[in-house]
Amino acid sequence: MNIFQNADGFIGTVPPESFGNSLKKFFDAASGVRDKLGNSHEFLAEYLEAVFDAISKTNTETAATCGFSRCTKELRTICNAIIRGSGEETQHPFYDTAKSYIEAHPIPYEESQSKLEFYTVALVGEFIKYAIAQHYNEFGGKLNDETARITALYNDICAVLGSEEPMERLNEIIQDEFITVPVMASFVQGIIDSTVLSMLFNEPGSGKFVFEMMEV
């Protein structure tokens, strides 16, 4: 069966009532914890504020933009410097890897844009390993204070409840219903989206797309 016979194969489907159901599931679970906490219910408000603040600080829009614009621009800048022989970007951690590949894989296309698009696609598989580590640290670094506060509040709440089970369940619901696309997945998708544009570049001399040029 052709999974790309309609838009569903590209954009997926989401039941229109799904978010409403997600909210109900969350509020029901939160209400259950709040009732069990009794006079200590303020702990839960502080906890949820900290969790939702952490989610907002690492939103998928920012992550996708970093992947699409900043990260791929970084790779393209390195490749362009090597292609032109400008002597720039030599201090970048990925420079030597890119230079070794480009020198070992000459291509029969003279147009500089063609070379840039080709080598961007050819190197993105290696570059993404570097980029993921860098940006995981960047995104994760934004949450250091929040996760410490969240952990302390979680422990306080569980101490009052006498069990972790209600909070474990609440956390699972929050993760399942409010983090449907993890930030790092969005970041990688941004890189992939940019790479697809490079793959669609049509080399003027041969009339080939970059995805065809990769066969040389």
Protein backbone atom coordinates (compact mmCIF):
# COMPACT_ATOMS: atom_id res chain seq x y z
CA MET A 1 0.00 0.00 0.00
CA ASN A 2 1.23 3.49 -0.83
CA ILE A 3 1.36 5.35 2.50
CA PHE A 4 1.79 8.63 0.62
CA GLN A 5 -1.44 8.41 -1.38
CA ASN A 6 -2.93 11.30 0.60
CA ALA A 7 -1.89 14.03 3.03
CA ASP A 8 -2.19 11.74 6.06
CA GLY A 9 1.14 10.12 5.18
CA PHE A 10 2.89 13.47 5.54
CA ILE A 11 1.02 15.38 8.22
CA GLY A 12 -0.65 12.60 10.21
CA THR A 13 -4.09 12.74 11.76
CA VAL A 14 -5.25 13.90 15.16
CA PRO A 15 -8.83 13.37 16.39
CA PRO A 16 -10.36 16.85 16.85
CA GLU A 17 -11.45 16.05 20.39
CA SER A 18 -8.02 14.75 21.46
CA PHE A 19 -6.78 17.88 23.23
CA GLY A 20 -10.06 18.32 25.07
CA ASN A 21 -9.80 14.74 26.29
CA SER A 22 -6.17 15.35 27.26
CA LEU A 23 -7.15 18.34 29.38
CA LYS A 24 -9.90 16.38 31.12
CA LYS A 25 -7.51 13.51 31.88
CA PHE A 26 -4.98 15.97 33.31
CA PHE A 27 -7.47 17.92 35.42
CA ASP A 28 -9.00 14.72 36.80
CA ALA A 29 -5.58 13.40 37.84
CA ALA A 30 -4.50 16.75 39.30
CA SER A 31 -7.75 17.04 41.24
CA GLY A 32 -7.21 13.58 42.71
CA VAL A 33 -3.74 14.52 43.93
CA ARG A 34 -4.96 17.86 45.28
CA ASP A 35 -7.70 16.17 47.30
CA LYS A 36 -5.21 13.74 48.82
CA LEU A 37 -2.88 16.58 49.81
CA GLY A 38 -5.50 18.33 51.91
CA ASN A 39 -4.02 21.41 53.59
CA SER A 40 -0.76 20.93 51.67
CA HIS A 41 -2.44 21.38 48.29
CA GLU A 42 -0.33 24.48 47.57
CA PHE A 43 2.60 22.16 46.87
CA LEU A 44 0.78 20.87 43.79
CA ALA A 45 0.16 24.36 42.39
CA GLU A 46 3.85 25.18 42.77
CA TYR A 47 4.81 21.87 41.19
CA LEU A 48 2.56 22.26 38.16
CA GLU A 49 3.68 25.86 37.65
CA ALA A 50 7.30 24.68 37.58
CA VAL A 51 6.56 21.81 35.18
CA PHE A 52 4.57 23.94 32.73
CA ASP A 53 7.20 26.68 32.92
CA ALA A 54 9.83 24.10 31.93
CA ILE A 55 7.70 22.98 28.98
CA SER A 56 7.28 26.58 27.81
CA LYS A 57 11.02 27.31 28.02
CA THR A 58 11.88 24.50 25.61
CA ASN A 59 9.03 24.80 23.15
CA THR A 60 9.03 22.99 19.82
CA GLU A 61 8.78 26.16 17.73
CA THR A 62 12.13 27.39 19.06
CA ALA A 63 13.69 23.95 18.66
CA ALA A 64 12.52 23.53 15.07
CA THR A 65 13.79 27.00 14.19
CA CYS A 66 17.19 26.18 15.70
CA GLY A 67 17.37 23.01 13.62
CA PHE A 68 16.12 24.55 10.38
CA SER A 69 17.83 27.93 10.43
CA ARG A 70 20.71 28.06 12.86
CA CYS A 71 22.02 24.51 12.76
CA THR A 72 21.92 23.97 9.01
CA LYS A 73 23.32 27.46 8.43
CA GLU A 74 26.24 26.40 10.61
CA LEU A 75 26.92 23.35 8.43
CA ARG A 76 26.48 25.30 5.20
CA THR A 77 28.90 27.98 6.39
CA ILE A 78 31.57 25.36 7.08
CA CYS A 79 31.04 23.67 3.70
CA ASN A 80 31.07 26.99 1.86
CA ALA A 81 34.35 28.02 3.52
CA ILE A 82 35.99 24.75 2.48
CA ILE A 83 34.65 24.89 -1.08
CA ARG A 84 35.88 28.46 -1.51
CA GLY A 85 39.15 27.78 0.31
CA SER A 86 38.63 30.92 2.37
CA GLY A 87 40.49 29.67 5.43
CA GLU A 88 37.48 30.56 7.60
CA GLU A 89 35.70 28.34 10.16
CA THR A 90 38.87 26.31 10.79
CA GLN A 91 38.30 26.39 14.55
CA HIS A 92 34.86 24.83 14.31
CA PRO A 93 34.83 21.31 15.84
CA PHE A 94 33.28 19.87 12.66
CA TYR A 95 35.63 21.61 10.22
CA ASP A 96 38.23 18.83 9.91
CA THR A 97 35.55 16.17 9.38
CA ALA A 98 33.93 18.22 6.63
CA LYS A 99 37.25 19.09 4.99
CA SER A 100 38.40 15.47 4.93
CA TYR A 101 35.14 14.35 3.34
CA ILE A 102 35.04 17.11 0.73
CA GLU A 103 38.66 16.53 -0.28
CA ALA A 104 38.11 12.77 -0.51
CA HIS A 105 34.88 13.09 -2.52
CA PRO A 106 35.33 15.47 -5.46
CA ILE A 107 32.21 15.84 -7.62
CA PRO A 108 31.95 16.62 -11.36
CA TYR A 109 29.99 19.82 -10.87
CA GLU A 110 31.63 23.22 -11.14
CA GLU A 111 28.84 25.49 -9.96
CA SER A 112 29.54 26.46 -6.34
CA GLN A 113 25.89 26.33 -5.29
CA SER A 114 25.66 22.79 -6.60
CA LYS A 115 28.68 21.80 -4.55
CA LEU A 116 27.32 23.48 -1.45
CA GLU A 117 23.95 21.73 -1.64
CA PHE A 118 25.60 18.37 -2.41
CA TYR A 119 28.07 18.49 0.47
CA THR A 120 25.45 19.81 2.89
CA VAL A 121 23.34 16.71 2.22
CA ALA A 122 26.36 14.39 2.18
CA LEU A 123 27.61 15.62 5.56
CA VAL A 124 24.39 16.21 7.45
CA GLY A 125 24.31 12.62 8.75
CA GLU A 126 27.61 13.14 10.57
CA PHE A 127 26.94 16.75 11.47
CA ILE A 128 23.65 15.89 13.14
CA LYS A 129 25.50 13.80 15.74
CA TYR A 130 27.51 16.87 16.73
CA ALA A 131 24.45 19.12 16.55
CA ILE A 132 22.28 16.88 18.72
CA ALA A 133 24.88 16.82 21.50
CA GLN A 134 25.36 20.60 21.33
CA HIS A 135 21.69 21.47 21.33
CA TYR A 136 20.70 18.88 23.91
CA ASN A 137 23.09 20.63 26.28
CA GLU A 138 21.69 24.01 25.28
CA PHE A 139 18.04 23.09 25.71
CA GLY A 140 18.73 20.99 28.81
CA GLY A 141 20.80 23.76 30.35
CA LYS A 142 17.72 25.98 30.39
CA LEU A 143 16.06 23.53 32.75
CA ASN A 144 18.71 22.99 35.42
CA ASP A 145 17.07 25.27 37.99
CA GLU A 146 13.58 24.08 37.07
CA THR A 147 14.35 20.37 37.39
CA ALA A 148 15.97 20.89 40.79
CA ARG A 149 12.88 22.75 41.99
CA ILE A 150 10.55 20.18 40.42
CA THR A 151 12.39 17.32 42.11
CA ALA A 152 12.23 19.00 45.52
CA LEU A 153 8.50 19.70 45.19
CA TYR A 154 7.85 16.18 43.91
CA ASN A 155 9.54 14.72 46.98
CA ASP A 156 7.60 17.03 49.29
CA ILE A 157 4.31 16.03 47.70
CA CYS A 158 5.10 12.31 47.81
CA ALA A 159 6.09 12.61 51.47
CA VAL A 160 2.64 14.03 52.26
CA LEU A 161 0.88 11.44 50.09
CA GLY A 162 2.88 8.57 51.51
CA SER A 163 3.28 7.14 48.00
CA GLU A 164 4.75 8.09 44.62
CA GLU A 165 2.03 6.38 42.59
CA PRO A 166 -0.38 9.36 42.21
CA MET A 167 2.45 11.69 41.16
CA GLU A 168 3.97 9.11 38.81
CA ARG A 169 0.59 8.82 37.11
CA LEU A 170 0.19 12.61 36.91
CA ASN A 171 3.67 12.99 35.41
CA GLU A 172 2.93 10.31 32.81
CA ILE A 173 -0.24 12.13 31.80
CA ILE A 174 1.59 15.45 31.50
CA GLN A 175 4.33 13.88 29.39
CA ASP A 176 1.88 11.98 27.17
CA GLU A 177 -0.58 14.81 26.66
CA PHE A 178 1.51 18.01 26.80
CA ILE A 179 4.79 16.83 25.27
CA THR A 180 3.44 14.98 22.23
CA VAL A 181 6.46 16.08 20.17
CA PRO A 182 9.66 16.09 22.26
CA VAL A 183 11.85 19.16 21.81
CA MET A 184 14.82 17.23 20.43
CA ALA A 185 12.60 15.49 17.87
CA SER A 186 11.39 18.91 16.73
CA PHE A 187 15.00 20.11 16.50
CA VAL A 188 15.98 17.14 14.33
CA GLN A 189 12.89 17.59 12.16
CA GLY A 190 14.00 21.18 11.55
CA ILE A 191 17.34 19.90 10.26
CA ILE A 192 15.57 17.30 8.11
CA ASP A 193 13.24 19.91 6.62
CA SER A 194 16.20 22.06 5.64
CA THR A 195 18.03 19.03 4.23
CA VAL A 196 15.02 18.20 2.05
CA LEU A 197 15.24 21.67 0.49
CA SER A 198 18.90 21.01 -0.36
CA MET A 199 17.96 17.64 -1.85
CA LEU A 200 15.50 19.41 -4.14
CA PHE A 201 18.16 21.74 -5.55
CA ASN A 202 18.37 21.25 -9.30
CA GLU A 203 21.92 21.30 -10.65
CA PRO A 204 21.89 23.71 -13.64
CA GLY A 205 24.42 21.89 -15.83
CA SER A 206 23.09 18.35 -15.58
CA GLY A 207 19.48 19.03 -14.66
CA LYS A 208 19.84 16.57 -11.79
CA PHE A 209 18.40 17.03 -8.34
CA VAL A 210 20.82 16.69 -5.45
CA PHE A 211 19.19 13.41 -4.42
CA GLU A 212 20.20 12.12 -7.87
CA MET A 213 23.67 13.62 -7.61
CA MET A 214 24.28 11.59 -4.46
CA GLU A 215 24.71 8.53 -6.68
CA VAL A 216 28.04 9.77 -8.13
